[in-house]
C-alpha atoms as a PDB file:
ATOM      1  CA  MET A   1      44.861  79.910 103.561  1.00  0.00           C
ATOM      2  CA  LYS A   2      44.425  83.629 103.212  1.00  0.00           C
ATOM      3  CA  LEU A   3      44.350  85.488  99.747  1.00  0.00           C
ATOM      4  CA  GLU A   4      46.807  87.741 101.499  1.00  0.00           C
ATOM      5  CA  ASP A   5      49.208  84.515 101.540  1.00  0.00           C
ATOM      6  CA  PHE A   6      49.377  84.863  97.660  1.00  0.00           C
ATOM      7  CA  PRO A   7      51.646  87.257  95.965  1.00  0.00           C
ATOM      8  CA  PHE A   8      49.520  87.326  93.151  1.00  0.00           C
ATOM      9  CA  GLN A   9      46.184  88.036  92.548  1.00  0.00           C
ATOM     10  CA  HIS A  10      44.397  87.595  89.438  1.00  0.00           C
ATOM     11  CA  LYS A  11      40.707  89.589  89.384  1.00  0.00           C
ATOM     12  CA  LEU A  12      37.738  88.529  87.154  1.00  0.00           C
ATOM     13  CA  ASN A  13      34.011  88.677  86.772  1.00  0.00           C
ATOM     14  CA  THR A  14      32.113  85.556  86.305  1.00  0.00           C
ATOM     15  CA  ARG A  15      30.247  85.540  82.698  1.00  0.00           C
ATOM     16  CA  TRP A  16      26.259  84.641  81.861  1.00  0.00           C
ATOM     17  CA  LYS A  17      27.795  81.870  79.911  1.00  0.00           C
ATOM     18  CA  ASP A  18      29.829  80.086  82.930  1.00  0.00           C
ATOM     19  CA  VAL A  19      26.467  79.496  84.640  1.00  0.00           C
ATOM     20  CA  ASP A  20      24.921  75.691  84.252  1.00  0.00           C
ATOM     21  CA  ALA A  21      21.423  74.179  84.757  1.00  0.00           C
ATOM     22  CA  PHE A  22      21.907  74.699  88.175  1.00  0.00           C
ATOM     23  CA  ARG A  23      22.378  78.379  88.078  1.00  0.00           C
ATOM     24  CA  HIS A  24      25.710  78.204  89.544  1.00  0.00           C
ATOM     25  CA  ILE A  25      29.026  78.729  87.786  1.00  0.00           C
ATOM     26  CA  ASN A  26      30.088  75.298  86.082  1.00  0.00           C
ATOM     27  CA  ASN A  27      32.432  73.293  87.741  1.00  0.00           C
ATOM     28  CA  ALA A  28      35.100  72.530  84.899  1.00  0.00           C
ATOM     29  CA  THR A  29      34.606  76.420  83.941  1.00  0.00           C
ATOM     30  CA  PHE A  30      37.246  77.089  87.078  1.00  0.00           C
ATOM     31  CA  LEU A  31      40.081  75.672  85.218  1.00  0.00           C
ATOM     32  CA  SER A  32      39.461  78.175  82.526  1.00  0.00           C
ATOM     33  CA  TYR A  33      39.635  81.112  85.324  1.00  0.00           C
ATOM     34  CA  ILE A  34      42.961  79.464  86.451  1.00  0.00           C
ATOM     35  CA  GLU A  35      44.221  79.550  82.510  1.00  0.00           C
ATOM     36  CA  ASP A  36      43.405  82.973  82.232  1.00  0.00           C
ATOM     37  CA  ALA A  37      45.309  83.916  86.297  1.00  0.00           C
ATOM     38  CA  ARG A  38      48.587  81.275  85.046  1.00  0.00           C
ATOM     39  CA  ILE A  39      48.975  83.133  81.848  1.00  0.00           C
ATOM     40  CA  GLN A  40      48.730  86.946  83.628  1.00  0.00           C
ATOM     41  CA  LEU A  41      51.687  85.222  86.022  1.00  0.00           C
ATOM     42  CA  LEU A  42      53.683  83.914  83.267  1.00  0.00           C
ATOM     43  CA  ARG A  43      53.424  87.189  81.244  1.00  0.00           C
ATOM     44  CA  ARG A  44      55.392  88.794  84.436  1.00  0.00           C
ATOM     45  CA  TRP A  45      58.030  86.981  83.447  1.00  0.00           C
ATOM     46  CA  ASN A  46      58.692  87.921  79.714  1.00  0.00           C
ATOM     47  CA  ILE A  47      59.267  84.310  78.520  1.00  0.00           C
ATOM     48  CA  ASN A  48      60.359  83.334  75.169  1.00  0.00           C
ATOM     49  CA  TYR A  49      58.286  80.760  74.298  1.00  0.00           C
ATOM     50  CA  GLU A  50      59.709  80.306  70.666  1.00  0.00           C
ATOM     51  CA  LYS A  51      62.840  79.164  73.270  1.00  0.00           C
ATOM     52  CA  LYS A  52      60.842  77.384  76.268  1.00  0.00           C
ATOM     53  CA  SER A  53      57.291  75.859  76.678  1.00  0.00           C
ATOM     54  CA  LEU A  54      56.062  75.085  79.927  1.00  0.00           C
ATOM     55  CA  ILE A  55      53.788  72.502  79.921  1.00  0.00           C
ATOM     56  CA  VAL A  56      51.006  72.291  83.103  1.00  0.00           C
ATOM     57  CA  ALA A  57      51.167  68.089  84.094  1.00  0.00           C
ATOM     58  CA  SER A  58      48.989  67.960  86.219  1.00  0.00           C
ATOM     59  CA  VAL A  59      45.966  70.235  87.711  1.00  0.00           C
ATOM     60  CA  LYS A  60      43.720  69.701  91.107  1.00  0.00           C
ATOM     61  CA  ILE A  61      40.726  71.339  92.667  1.00  0.00           C
ATOM     62  CA  ASP A  62      39.078  70.833  96.007  1.00  0.00           C
ATOM     63  CA  TYR A  63      35.565  73.063  95.481  1.00  0.00           C
ATOM     64  CA  VAL A  64      34.634  74.373  98.449  1.00  0.00           C
ATOM     65  CA  LYS A  65      31.732  75.900  97.816  1.00  0.00           C
ATOM     66  CA  GLN A  66      28.938  77.175  94.967  1.00  0.00           C
ATOM     67  CA  VAL A  67      29.836  80.366  92.903  1.00  0.00           C
ATOM     68  CA  LEU A  68      26.757  82.024  91.409  1.00  0.00           C
ATOM     69  CA  HIS A  69      26.469  85.135  88.926  1.00  0.00           C
ATOM     70  CA  PRO A  70      27.086  87.624  89.145  1.00  0.00           C
ATOM     71  CA  SER A  71      30.332  87.786  90.925  1.00  0.00           C
ATOM     72  CA  SER A  72      33.601  89.280  91.934  1.00  0.00           C
ATOM     73  CA  LEU A  73      36.710  86.717  91.889  1.00  0.00           C
ATOM     74  CA  VAL A  74      40.513  86.864  93.149  1.00  0.00           C
ATOM     75  CA  ILE A  75      42.445  84.094  92.524  1.00  0.00           C
ATOM     76  CA  GLY A  76      45.715  83.911  93.950  1.00  0.00           C
ATOM     77  CA  GLN A  77      48.957  82.043  92.912  1.00  0.00           C
ATOM     78  CA  LYS A  78      52.320  81.567  93.831  1.00  0.00           C
ATOM     79  CA  VAL A  79      55.503  79.716  93.234  1.00  0.00           C
ATOM     80  CA  SER A  80      55.326  76.708  95.779  1.00  0.00           C
ATOM     81  CA  ARG A  81      58.399  74.575  94.490  1.00  0.00           C
ATOM     82  CA  LEU A  82      61.245  75.709  92.221  1.00  0.00           C
ATOM     83  CA  GLY A  83      62.995  72.657  90.658  1.00  0.00           C
ATOM     84  CA  THR A  84      65.981  72.938  87.848  1.00  0.00           C
ATOM     85  CA  LYS A  85      63.355  71.901  85.059  1.00  0.00           C
ATOM     86  CA  SER A  86      59.997  72.274  86.308  1.00  0.00           C
ATOM     87  CA  PHE A  87      57.970  74.296  89.072  1.00  0.00           C
ATOM     88  CA  ASP A  88      55.007  74.555  91.164  1.00  0.00           C
ATOM     89  CA  ILE A  89      52.316  77.730  91.067  1.00  0.00           C
END
């Protein structure tokens, strides 16, 4: 996949606190990065959270390589499945 395959792109910079003892970004931190990107994507939809709730039912990450600090990252997202009561990003 290429970044151009994703219509929504969220840019961020790594933070010092994300570095672990091995001097790379801790694997668990990527969930936080993905959450930040997902929140920005959902804000575009103007969802009224008092009438609707969204639940993250599953997250799967395939790590490809280490990320060192400092780094600039781009998280690409798209809706890959749209159902009647659920969707996949």
